C-alpha atoms as a PDB file:
ATOM      1  CA  MET A   1       0.000   0.000   0.000  1.00  0.00           C
ATOM      2  CA  SER A   2       1.344   3.426  -0.891  1.00  0.00           C
ATOM      3  CA  ASN A   3       1.970   5.853   1.972  1.00  0.00           C
ATOM      4  CA  GLU A   4       1.049   8.785  -0.234  1.00  0.00           C
ATOM      5  CA  VAL A   5      -2.158  10.631   0.512  1.00  0.00           C
ATOM      6  CA  LYS A   6      -4.324  12.653  -1.830  1.00  0.00           C
ATOM      7  CA  ARG A   7      -4.119  16.422  -1.417  1.00  0.00           C
ATOM      8  CA  GLU A   8      -7.446  18.261  -1.375  1.00  0.00           C
ATOM      9  CA  SER A   9      -7.941  21.966  -1.884  1.00  0.00           C
ATOM     10  CA  PHE A  10      -8.467  24.166   1.185  1.00  0.00           C
ATOM     11  CA  PHE A  11     -12.113  24.776   0.350  1.00  0.00           C
ATOM     12  CA  ALA A  12     -12.884  21.118  -0.323  1.00  0.00           C
ATOM     13  CA  THR A  13     -11.337  19.997   2.963  1.00  0.00           C
ATOM     14  CA  ALA A  14     -12.930  22.837   4.922  1.00  0.00           C
ATOM     15  CA  ALA A  15     -16.418  22.229   3.534  1.00  0.00           C
ATOM     16  CA  LYS A  16     -16.259  18.495   4.207  1.00  0.00           C
ATOM     17  CA  ASP A  17     -14.924  18.904   7.745  1.00  0.00           C
ATOM     18  CA  ILE A  18     -17.458  21.592   8.678  1.00  0.00           C
ATOM     19  CA  VAL A  19     -20.516  19.757   7.350  1.00  0.00           C
ATOM     20  CA  ALA A  20     -19.409  16.304   8.499  1.00  0.00           C
ATOM     21  CA  GLY A  21     -18.407  17.677  11.907  1.00  0.00           C
ATOM     22  CA  SER A  22     -21.895  19.157  12.341  1.00  0.00           C
ATOM     23  CA  VAL A  23     -23.512  15.833  11.448  1.00  0.00           C
ATOM     24  CA  GLY A  24     -21.246  14.059  13.922  1.00  0.00           C
ATOM     25  CA  GLY A  25     -22.203  16.568  16.604  1.00  0.00           C
ATOM     26  CA  VAL A  26     -25.913  15.825  16.218  1.00  0.00           C
ATOM     27  CA  ALA A  27     -25.287  12.073  16.446  1.00  0.00           C
ATOM     28  CA  GLN A  28     -23.138  12.569  19.533  1.00  0.00           C
ATOM     29  CA  LEU A  29     -25.740  14.741  21.239  1.00  0.00           C
ATOM     30  CA  VAL A  30     -28.712  12.461  20.630  1.00  0.00           C
ATOM     31  CA  THR A  31     -26.745   9.477  21.906  1.00  0.00           C
ATOM     32  CA  GLY A  32     -25.002  10.984  24.886  1.00  0.00           C
ATOM     33  CA  HIS A  33     -26.943  13.916  26.379  1.00  0.00           C
ATOM     34  CA  PRO A  34     -28.972  11.948  28.989  1.00  0.00           C
ATOM     35  CA  LEU A  35     -25.812  10.594  30.602  1.00  0.00           C
ATOM     36  CA  ASP A  36     -24.218  14.028  30.353  1.00  0.00           C
ATOM     37  CA  THR A  37     -27.097  15.435  32.411  1.00  0.00           C
ATOM     38  CA  ILE A  38     -26.519  12.764  35.065  1.00  0.00           C
ATOM     39  CA  LYS A  39     -22.774  13.483  35.032  1.00  0.00           C
ATOM     40  CA  VAL A  40     -23.268  17.206  35.628  1.00  0.00           C
ATOM     41  CA  ARG A  41     -25.803  16.611  38.411  1.00  0.00           C
ATOM     42  CA  LEU A  42     -23.532  14.184  40.238  1.00  0.00           C
ATOM     43  CA  GLN A  43     -20.541  16.502  39.824  1.00  0.00           C
ATOM     44  CA  THR A  44     -22.302  19.558  41.227  1.00  0.00           C
ATOM     45  CA  GLN A  45     -24.628  18.222  43.950  1.00  0.00           C
ATOM     46  CA  PRO A  46     -24.168  19.632  47.501  1.00  0.00           C
ATOM     47  CA  VAL A  47     -21.361  17.985  49.465  1.00  0.00           C
ATOM     48  CA  GLY A  48     -23.042  17.934  52.856  1.00  0.00           C
ATOM     49  CA  ALA A  49     -26.464  16.850  51.643  1.00  0.00           C
ATOM     50  CA  PRO A  50     -26.092  14.973  48.327  1.00  0.00           C
ATOM     51  CA  LEU A  51     -29.244  14.565  46.272  1.00  0.00           C
ATOM     52  CA  TYR A  52     -28.146  11.298  44.675  1.00  0.00           C
ATOM     53  CA  SER A  53     -26.257   8.238  45.887  1.00  0.00           C
ATOM     54  CA  GLY A  54     -24.943   7.296  42.472  1.00  0.00           C
ATOM     55  CA  THR A  55     -25.589   7.000  38.751  1.00  0.00           C
ATOM     56  CA  MET A  56     -28.691   4.790  38.907  1.00  0.00           C
ATOM     57  CA  ASP A  57     -30.187   6.762  41.783  1.00  0.00           C
ATOM     58  CA  CYS A  58     -29.742   9.998  39.823  1.00  0.00           C
ATOM     59  CA  LEU A  59     -31.283   8.401  36.737  1.00  0.00           C
ATOM     60  CA  LYS A  60     -34.304   7.088  38.646  1.00  0.00           C
ATOM     61  CA  LYS A  61     -34.942  10.327  40.539  1.00  0.00           C
ATOM     62  CA  THR A  62     -34.569  12.494  37.441  1.00  0.00           C
ATOM     63  CA  ILE A  63     -37.123  10.424  35.510  1.00  0.00           C
ATOM     64  CA  ALA A  64     -39.472  10.155  38.510  1.00  0.00           C
ATOM     65  CA  GLN A  65     -39.418  13.892  39.246  1.00  0.00           C
ATOM     66  CA  GLU A  66     -39.088  15.373  35.761  1.00  0.00           C
ATOM     67  CA  GLY A  67     -40.013  12.613  33.352  1.00  0.00           C
ATOM     68  CA  PHE A  68     -37.766  11.290  30.596  1.00  0.00           C
ATOM     69  CA  GLY A  69     -37.489  14.836  29.270  1.00  0.00           C
ATOM     70  CA  GLY A  70     -35.514  15.740  32.394  1.00  0.00           C
ATOM     71  CA  LEU A  71     -32.575  13.806  30.942  1.00  0.00           C
ATOM     72  CA  TYR A  72     -32.558  16.208  27.996  1.00  0.00           C
ATOM     73  CA  LYS A  73     -32.535  19.406  30.056  1.00  0.00           C
ATOM     74  CA  GLY A  74     -30.290  22.000  28.485  1.00  0.00           C
ATOM     75  CA  VAL A  75     -30.262  20.086  25.199  1.00  0.00           C
ATOM     76  CA  THR A  76     -31.046  23.178  23.112  1.00  0.00           C
ATOM     77  CA  SER A  77     -27.706  24.763  23.915  1.00  0.00           C
ATOM     78  CA  PRO A  78     -25.572  21.824  22.752  1.00  0.00           C
ATOM     79  CA  LEU A  79     -27.963  21.104  19.856  1.00  0.00           C
ATOM     80  CA  VAL A  80     -27.192  24.555  18.523  1.00  0.00           C
ATOM     81  CA  GLY A  81     -23.679  24.690  19.901  1.00  0.00           C
ATOM     82  CA  LEU A  82     -22.446  21.157  19.310  1.00  0.00           C
ATOM     83  CA  CYS A  83     -22.966  21.481  15.573  1.00  0.00           C
ATOM     84  CA  LEU A  84     -20.884  24.645  15.661  1.00  0.00           C
ATOM     85  CA  MET A  85     -18.380  23.127  18.091  1.00  0.00           C
ATOM     86  CA  ASN A  86     -17.810  19.988  16.059  1.00  0.00           C
ATOM     87  CA  ALA A  87     -17.672  21.972  12.836  1.00  0.00           C
ATOM     88  CA  VAL A  88     -14.943  24.172  14.336  1.00  0.00           C
ATOM     89  CA  MET A  89     -13.169  21.217  15.946  1.00  0.00           C
ATOM     90  CA  PHE A  90     -13.004  19.011  12.856  1.00  0.00           C
ATOM     91  CA  PHE A  91     -12.194  22.016  10.662  1.00  0.00           C
ATOM     92  CA  SER A  92      -9.352  23.001  13.018  1.00  0.00           C
ATOM     93  CA  TYR A  93      -8.147  19.411  13.189  1.00  0.00           C
ATOM     94  CA  GLY A  94      -8.185  19.102   9.400  1.00  0.00           C
ATOM     95  CA  GLN A  95      -6.343  22.379   8.897  1.00  0.00           C
ATOM     96  CA  ALA A  96      -3.818  21.554  11.628  1.00  0.00           C
ATOM     97  CA  LYS A  97      -3.067  18.260   9.881  1.00  0.00           C
ATOM     98  CA  LYS A  98      -2.499  20.064   6.590  1.00  0.00           C
ATOM     99  CA  ALA A  99      -0.203  22.623   8.259  1.00  0.00           C
ATOM    100  CA  ILE A 100       1.832  19.923  10.013  1.00  0.00           C
ATOM    101  CA  GLN A 101       2.066  17.860   6.846  1.00  0.00           C
ATOM    102  CA  GLY A 102       3.256  20.804   4.750  1.00  0.00           C
ATOM    103  CA  ASP A 103       4.464  19.726   1.331  1.00  0.00           C
ATOM    104  CA  SER A 104       5.073  16.136   2.377  1.00  0.00           C
ATOM    105  CA  LYS A 105       2.980  13.438   0.742  1.00  0.00           C
ATOM    106  CA  GLU A 106       3.643  10.947   3.527  1.00  0.00           C
ATOM    107  CA  GLU A 107       0.902   9.836   5.897  1.00  0.00           C
ATOM    108  CA  LEU A 108       1.013  11.675   9.228  1.00  0.00           C
ATOM    109  CA  SER A 109       2.337   9.793  12.225  1.00  0.00           C
ATOM    110  CA  VAL A 110       0.182   9.282  15.321  1.00  0.00           C
ATOM    111  CA  GLU A 111       2.407  11.797  17.155  1.00  0.00           C
ATOM    112  CA  GLN A 112       1.697  14.404  14.483  1.00  0.00           C
ATOM    113  CA  LEU A 113      -2.017  13.641  14.661  1.00  0.00           C
ATOM    114  CA  ALA A 114      -1.854  14.131  18.440  1.00  0.00           C
ATOM    115  CA  LYS A 115      -0.367  17.596  17.873  1.00  0.00           C
ATOM    116  CA  ALA A 116      -3.167  18.400  15.448  1.00  0.00           C
ATOM    117  CA  GLY A 117      -5.684  17.258  18.069  1.00  0.00           C
ATOM    118  CA  ALA A 118      -4.104  19.546  20.676  1.00  0.00           C
ATOM    119  CA  ILE A 119      -4.424  22.499  18.294  1.00  0.00           C
ATOM    120  CA  ALA A 120      -8.079  21.612  17.677  1.00  0.00           C
ATOM    121  CA  GLY A 121      -8.635  21.460  21.451  1.00  0.00           C
ATOM    122  CA  LEU A 122      -7.178  24.937  21.874  1.00  0.00           C
ATOM    123  CA  THR A 123      -9.364  26.357  19.110  1.00  0.00           C
ATOM    124  CA  ILE A 124     -12.624  24.725  20.153  1.00  0.00           C
ATOM    125  CA  ALA A 125     -12.340  25.979  23.757  1.00  0.00           C
ATOM    126  CA  PHE A 126     -13.447  29.433  22.605  1.00  0.00           C
ATOM    127  CA  VAL A 127     -16.707  27.982  21.267  1.00  0.00           C
ATOM    128  CA  GLU A 128     -17.223  25.135  23.726  1.00  0.00           C
ATOM    129  CA  SER A 129     -16.905  27.174  26.914  1.00  0.00           C
ATOM    130  CA  PRO A 130     -20.034  29.351  26.385  1.00  0.00           C
ATOM    131  CA  VAL A 131     -22.053  26.386  25.089  1.00  0.00           C
ATOM    132  CA  ASP A 132     -21.160  24.282  28.127  1.00  0.00           C
ATOM    133  CA  LEU A 133     -21.891  27.193  30.452  1.00  0.00           C
ATOM    134  CA  PHE A 134     -25.429  27.647  29.116  1.00  0.00           C
ATOM    135  CA  LYS A 135     -26.038  23.885  29.133  1.00  0.00           C
ATOM    136  CA  SER A 136     -24.692  23.408  32.655  1.00  0.00           C
ATOM    137  CA  GLN A 137     -26.722  26.280  34.095  1.00  0.00           C
ATOM    138  CA  LEU A 138     -29.886  24.704  32.664  1.00  0.00           C
ATOM    139  CA  GLN A 139     -28.976  21.219  33.922  1.00  0.00           C
ATOM    140  CA  VAL A 140     -28.692  22.207  37.587  1.00  0.00           C
ATOM    141  CA  PRO A 141     -31.563  20.469  39.437  1.00  0.00           C
ATOM    142  CA  GLY A 142     -34.241  22.816  40.708  1.00  0.00           C
ATOM    143  CA  GLN A 143     -33.036  25.858  38.774  1.00  0.00           C
ATOM    144  CA  THR A 144     -35.857  28.297  38.073  1.00  0.00           C
ATOM    145  CA  GLN A 145     -34.107  31.515  37.065  1.00  0.00           C
ATOM    146  CA  PHE A 146     -33.737  30.603  33.369  1.00  0.00           C
ATOM    147  CA  ASN A 147     -36.434  29.718  30.837  1.00  0.00           C
ATOM    148  CA  GLY A 148     -34.297  28.187  28.128  1.00  0.00           C
ATOM    149  CA  LEU A 149     -31.226  28.779  26.003  1.00  0.00           C
ATOM    150  CA  ALA A 150     -32.021  32.308  24.848  1.00  0.00           C
ATOM    151  CA  ASP A 151     -32.942  33.397  28.372  1.00  0.00           C
ATOM    152  CA  VAL A 152     -29.820  32.005  30.027  1.00  0.00           C
ATOM    153  CA  ALA A 153     -27.565  33.519  27.358  1.00  0.00           C
ATOM    154  CA  LYS A 154     -29.304  36.887  27.632  1.00  0.00           C
ATOM    155  CA  LYS A 155     -29.193  37.051  31.431  1.00  0.00           C
ATOM    156  CA  ILE A 156     -25.555  35.979  31.652  1.00  0.00           C
ATOM    157  CA  TYR A 157     -24.509  38.537  29.042  1.00  0.00           C
ATOM    158  CA  GLN A 158     -26.557  41.302  30.670  1.00  0.00           C
ATOM    159  CA  SER A 159     -25.057  40.441  34.044  1.00  0.00           C
ATOM    160  CA  ARG A 160     -21.364  40.467  33.129  1.00  0.00           C
ATOM    161  CA  GLY A 161     -20.967  40.887  29.389  1.00  0.00           C
ATOM    162  CA  ILE A 162     -18.465  38.760  27.492  1.00  0.00           C
ATOM    163  CA  ARG A 163     -16.617  37.876  30.722  1.00  0.00           C
ATOM    164  CA  GLY A 164     -19.797  36.291  32.028  1.00  0.00           C
ATOM    165  CA  VAL A 165     -20.233  34.235  28.872  1.00  0.00           C
ATOM    166  CA  TYR A 166     -16.740  32.814  29.396  1.00  0.00           C
ATOM    167  CA  GLN A 167     -17.244  31.769  33.028  1.00  0.00           C
ATOM    168  CA  GLY A 168     -15.046  28.685  33.536  1.00  0.00           C
ATOM    169  CA  PHE A 169     -13.041  29.263  30.348  1.00  0.00           C
ATOM    170  CA  SER A 170      -9.649  28.569  31.937  1.00  0.00           C
ATOM    171  CA  SER A 171     -10.732  25.099  33.049  1.00  0.00           C
ATOM    172  CA  THR A 172     -12.176  24.374  29.594  1.00  0.00           C
ATOM    173  CA  LEU A 173      -8.865  25.307  28.003  1.00  0.00           C
ATOM    174  CA  VAL A 174      -6.792  23.291  30.471  1.00  0.00           C
ATOM    175  CA  ARG A 175      -8.999  20.251  29.821  1.00  0.00           C
ATOM    176  CA  ASN A 176      -9.351  20.552  26.059  1.00  0.00           C
ATOM    177  CA  VAL A 177      -5.747  20.596  24.895  1.00  0.00           C
ATOM    178  CA  PRO A 178      -4.614  17.252  26.412  1.00  0.00           C
ATOM    179  CA  ALA A 179      -8.086  15.712  26.029  1.00  0.00           C
ATOM    180  CA  ASN A 180      -8.299  16.328  22.292  1.00  0.00           C
ATOM    181  CA  CYS A 181      -4.678  15.295  21.861  1.00  0.00           C
ATOM    182  CA  CYS A 182      -5.602  11.878  23.321  1.00  0.00           C
ATOM    183  CA  TYR A 183      -8.985  11.827  21.571  1.00  0.00           C
ATOM    184  CA  PHE A 184      -7.785  12.074  17.997  1.00  0.00           C
ATOM    185  CA  ALA A 185      -4.549  10.137  18.506  1.00  0.00           C
ATOM    186  CA  SER A 186      -6.402   7.198  20.095  1.00  0.00           C
ATOM    187  CA  TYR A 187      -9.045   7.200  17.380  1.00  0.00           C
ATOM    188  CA  GLU A 188      -6.479   7.233  14.565  1.00  0.00           C
ATOM    189  CA  LEU A 189      -4.294   4.640  16.273  1.00  0.00           C
ATOM    190  CA  ALA A 190      -7.271   2.313  16.754  1.00  0.00           C
ATOM    191  CA  ARG A 191      -8.344   2.714  13.122  1.00  0.00           C
ATOM    192  CA  ARG A 192      -4.860   1.885  11.875  1.00  0.00           C
ATOM    193  CA  ALA A 193      -4.667  -1.145  14.160  1.00  0.00           C
ATOM    194  CA  PHE A 194      -7.836  -2.471  12.485  1.00  0.00           C
ATOM    195  CA  LEU A 195      -6.428  -2.221   8.966  1.00  0.00           C
ATOM    196  CA  GLU A 196      -5.899  -5.429   7.022  1.00  0.00           C
ATOM    197  CA  PRO A 197      -2.827  -5.656   4.772  1.00  0.00           C
ATOM    198  CA  GLY A 198      -3.375  -3.420   1.740  1.00  0.00           C
ATOM    199  CA  GLN A 199      -6.613  -1.958   3.120  1.00  0.00           C
ATOM    200  CA  LEU A 200      -7.341   1.783   3.090  1.00  0.00           C
ATOM    201  CA  LEU A 201      -8.784   3.653   6.078  1.00  0.00           C
ATOM    202  CA  GLU A 202     -11.859   4.674   4.092  1.00  0.00           C
ATOM    203  CA  ASP A 203     -12.602   0.989   3.466  1.00  0.00           C
ATOM    204  CA  LEU A 204     -12.881   0.056   7.143  1.00  0.00           C
ATOM    205  CA  PRO A 205     -16.256  -1.509   8.000  1.00  0.00           C
ATOM    206  CA  THR A 206     -18.613   0.567  10.116  1.00  0.00           C
ATOM    207  CA  TRP A 207     -18.217  -1.539  13.246  1.00  0.00           C
ATOM    208  CA  LYS A 208     -14.456  -0.892  13.291  1.00  0.00           C
ATOM    209  CA  VAL A 209     -15.028   2.848  12.986  1.00  0.00           C
ATOM    210  CA  LEU A 210     -17.568   2.591  15.836  1.00  0.00           C
ATOM    211  CA  VAL A 211     -15.080   0.838  18.088  1.00  0.00           C
ATOM    212  CA  SER A 212     -12.301   3.283  17.169  1.00  0.00           C
ATOM    213  CA  GLY A 213     -14.548   6.249  17.945  1.00  0.00           C
ATOM    214  CA  GLY A 214     -15.538   4.707  21.259  1.00  0.00           C
ATOM    215  CA  ILE A 215     -11.884   4.178  22.179  1.00  0.00           C
ATOM    216  CA  GLY A 216     -11.174   7.802  21.322  1.00  0.00           C
ATOM    217  CA  GLY A 217     -14.037   8.937  23.554  1.00  0.00           C
ATOM    218  CA  MET A 218     -12.904   6.853  26.511  1.00  0.00           C
ATOM    219  CA  SER A 219      -9.334   8.163  26.221  1.00  0.00           C
ATOM    220  CA  TYR A 220     -10.657  11.739  26.183  1.00  0.00           C
ATOM    221  CA  TRP A 221     -12.309  11.369  29.579  1.00  0.00           C
ATOM    222  CA  THR A 222     -10.015   8.932  31.381  1.00  0.00           C
ATOM    223  CA  LEU A 223      -7.078  11.319  31.729  1.00  0.00           C
ATOM    224  CA  THR A 224      -8.875  14.644  32.055  1.00  0.00           C
ATOM    225  CA  PHE A 225     -11.988  13.926  34.121  1.00  0.00           C
ATOM    226  CA  PRO A 226     -10.776  15.699  37.305  1.00  0.00           C
ATOM    227  CA  ILE A 227     -10.411  18.922  35.312  1.00  0.00           C
ATOM    228  CA  ASP A 228     -13.943  18.446  33.987  1.00  0.00           C
ATOM    229  CA  VAL A 229     -15.270  18.269  37.555  1.00  0.00           C
ATOM    230  CA  ILE A 230     -13.631  21.632  38.225  1.00  0.00           C
ATOM    231  CA  LYS A 231     -15.084  23.012  34.992  1.00  0.00           C
ATOM    232  CA  SER A 232     -18.599  21.827  35.853  1.00  0.00           C
ATOM    233  CA  SER A 233     -18.306  23.284  39.357  1.00  0.00           C
ATOM    234  CA  LEU A 234     -17.236  26.671  37.976  1.00  0.00           C
ATOM    235  CA  GLN A 235     -19.882  26.714  35.244  1.00  0.00           C
ATOM    236  CA  THR A 236     -22.769  25.790  37.550  1.00  0.00           C
ATOM    237  CA  ASP A 237     -21.692  28.390  40.098  1.00  0.00           C
ATOM    238  CA  SER A 238     -23.663  31.627  40.395  1.00  0.00           C
ATOM    239  CA  ILE A 239     -23.432  34.040  37.494  1.00  0.00           C
ATOM    240  CA  VAL A 240     -23.158  36.816  40.104  1.00  0.00           C
ATOM    241  CA  PRO A 241     -19.496  37.031  41.283  1.00  0.00           C
ATOM    242  CA  SER A 242     -20.356  38.061  44.849  1.00  0.00           C
ATOM    243  CA  GLN A 243     -22.529  34.947  45.279  1.00  0.00           C
ATOM    244  CA  ARG A 244     -20.050  32.390  43.944  1.00  0.00           C
ATOM    245  CA  ARG A 245     -18.588  29.537  45.937  1.00  0.00           C
ATOM    246  CA  PHE A 246     -15.373  29.539  43.919  1.00  0.00           C
ATOM    247  CA  GLN A 247     -13.076  32.374  42.869  1.00  0.00           C
ATOM    248  CA  GLY A 248     -11.333  30.529  40.054  1.00  0.00           C
ATOM    249  CA  LEU A 249      -9.755  27.270  38.915  1.00  0.00           C
ATOM    250  CA  ILE A 250      -7.152  26.967  41.703  1.00  0.00           C
ATOM    251  CA  ASP A 251      -9.609  27.973  44.425  1.00  0.00           C
ATOM    252  CA  CYS A 252     -12.160  25.470  43.124  1.00  0.00           C
ATOM    253  CA  ALA A 253      -9.639  22.618  42.993  1.00  0.00           C
ATOM    254  CA  SER A 254      -8.416  23.444  46.502  1.00  0.00           C
ATOM    255  CA  LYS A 255     -11.916  23.501  48.002  1.00  0.00           C
ATOM    256  CA  ILE A 256     -12.968  20.247  46.291  1.00  0.00           C
ATOM    257  CA  TYR A 257      -9.867  18.510  47.658  1.00  0.00           C
ATOM    258  CA  LYS A 258     -10.293  19.910  51.192  1.00  0.00           C
ATOM    259  CA  GLN A 259     -13.964  18.935  51.359  1.00  0.00           C
ATOM    260  CA  GLN A 260     -13.935  15.589  49.532  1.00  0.00           C
ATOM    261  CA  GLY A 261     -10.374  14.473  48.921  1.00  0.00           C
ATOM    262  CA  ILE A 262      -9.304  12.811  45.660  1.00  0.00           C
ATOM    263  CA  ALA A 263     -12.730  11.150  45.342  1.00  0.00           C
ATOM    264  CA  GLY A 264     -14.252  14.592  44.823  1.00  0.00           C
ATOM    265  CA  PHE A 265     -12.527  14.859  41.460  1.00  0.00           C
ATOM    266  CA  TYR A 266     -14.237  11.703  40.201  1.00  0.00           C
ATOM    267  CA  LYS A 267     -17.881  12.501  40.959  1.00  0.00           C
ATOM    268  CA  GLY A 268     -19.978  11.528  37.956  1.00  0.00           C
ATOM    269  CA  PHE A 269     -17.203   9.484  36.352  1.00  0.00           C
ATOM    270  CA  THR A 270     -19.356   6.370  35.856  1.00  0.00           C
ATOM    271  CA  PRO A 271     -22.083   7.929  33.651  1.00  0.00           C
ATOM    272  CA  CYS A 272     -19.449   9.944  31.815  1.00  0.00           C
ATOM    273  CA  PHE A 273     -17.341   6.867  31.059  1.00  0.00           C
ATOM    274  CA  ILE A 274     -20.402   4.859  29.996  1.00  0.00           C
ATOM    275  CA  ARG A 275     -21.508   7.733  27.751  1.00  0.00           C
ATOM    276  CA  SER A 276     -18.076   8.233  26.205  1.00  0.00           C
ATOM    277  CA  PHE A 277     -18.133   5.064  24.099  1.00  0.00           C
ATOM    278  CA  PRO A 278     -21.529   5.176  22.330  1.00  0.00           C
ATOM    279  CA  ALA A 279     -21.620   8.985  21.978  1.00  0.00           C
ATOM    280  CA  ASN A 280     -18.207   9.238  20.350  1.00  0.00           C
ATOM    281  CA  ALA A 281     -18.665   6.056  18.347  1.00  0.00           C
ATOM    282  CA  ALA A 282     -21.796   7.625  16.859  1.00  0.00           C
ATOM    283  CA  CYS A 283     -19.985  10.932  16.313  1.00  0.00           C
ATOM    284  CA  PHE A 284     -17.089   9.467  14.341  1.00  0.00           C
ATOM    285  CA  VAL A 285     -19.246   7.113  12.276  1.00  0.00           C
ATOM    286  CA  ALA A 286     -21.572   9.985  11.354  1.00  0.00           C
ATOM    287  CA  PHE A 287     -18.560  12.175  10.562  1.00  0.00           C
ATOM    288  CA  GLU A 288     -16.859   9.585   8.357  1.00  0.00           C
ATOM    289  CA  LYS A 289     -20.093   8.624   6.573  1.00  0.00           C
ATOM    290  CA  ALA A 290     -20.996  12.240   5.894  1.00  0.00           C
ATOM    291  CA  ARG A 291     -17.513  12.921   4.566  1.00  0.00           C
ATOM    292  CA  GLU A 292     -17.696   9.784   2.438  1.00  0.00           C
ATOM    293  CA  LEU A 293     -21.010  10.900   0.915  1.00  0.00           C
ATOM    294  CA  MET A 294     -19.539  14.301   0.058  1.00  0.00           C
ATOM    295  CA  SER A 295     -16.624  12.602  -1.692  1.00  0.00           C
END
């Protein structure tokens, strides 16, 4: 098999990555949002008087108190935002790969793909942070101050302007760079491990792409979950600075450790880890299929 890869024009690559990334985002959201709601609720419940004893208890109580629709609270924000987020992420990843490759016609190494993933993680943080903030504020159990995506966005912006919209940005950035580095590298490494002699990546059967995407998703969360707990805590905190429990990333990490120890950084890990496989498997399959159709 030749190691040479076809070179696409900037516009062809960009269009495919943006559209396919959006399609992947929808698939990821539909598959994974219920478990994301449980994750956020477990991560941010009161320490002294927890509302839930674990994943199943949170699931049962959410459905009993709010119906099945309670699992999709805050879904409008990521439905709008995840399409944009994935479009930006896969576009950034595609362009980073082209920049790293330069004039070479050789296939990128996994290390080079990891660098491209890190660049994508840096870029997407600027879009992902506001989307996650709006979603997280709506997912907090018992919240009554917001009436949906437009209302939460409006009130946060009116309260503190652009700084309010980027509440928790530092933790998003700290999480995203290593997480996306692992995410894309693991996915690409798994895909290549599945190749038969002489087989091309685009000829992999769907089930192998599913498994590769799931592996990528699990690697994303395994190494960076403690930072995500900090991010969720900051983004579900009050939008009014004087009423906040935490004054920033370091203060939040310190208080979580003092109150709960190391275990505090792994609240909600079970639903997140369970969600990571099917949600990201669906995302990558949808992305690859959409890109294939456009080719």
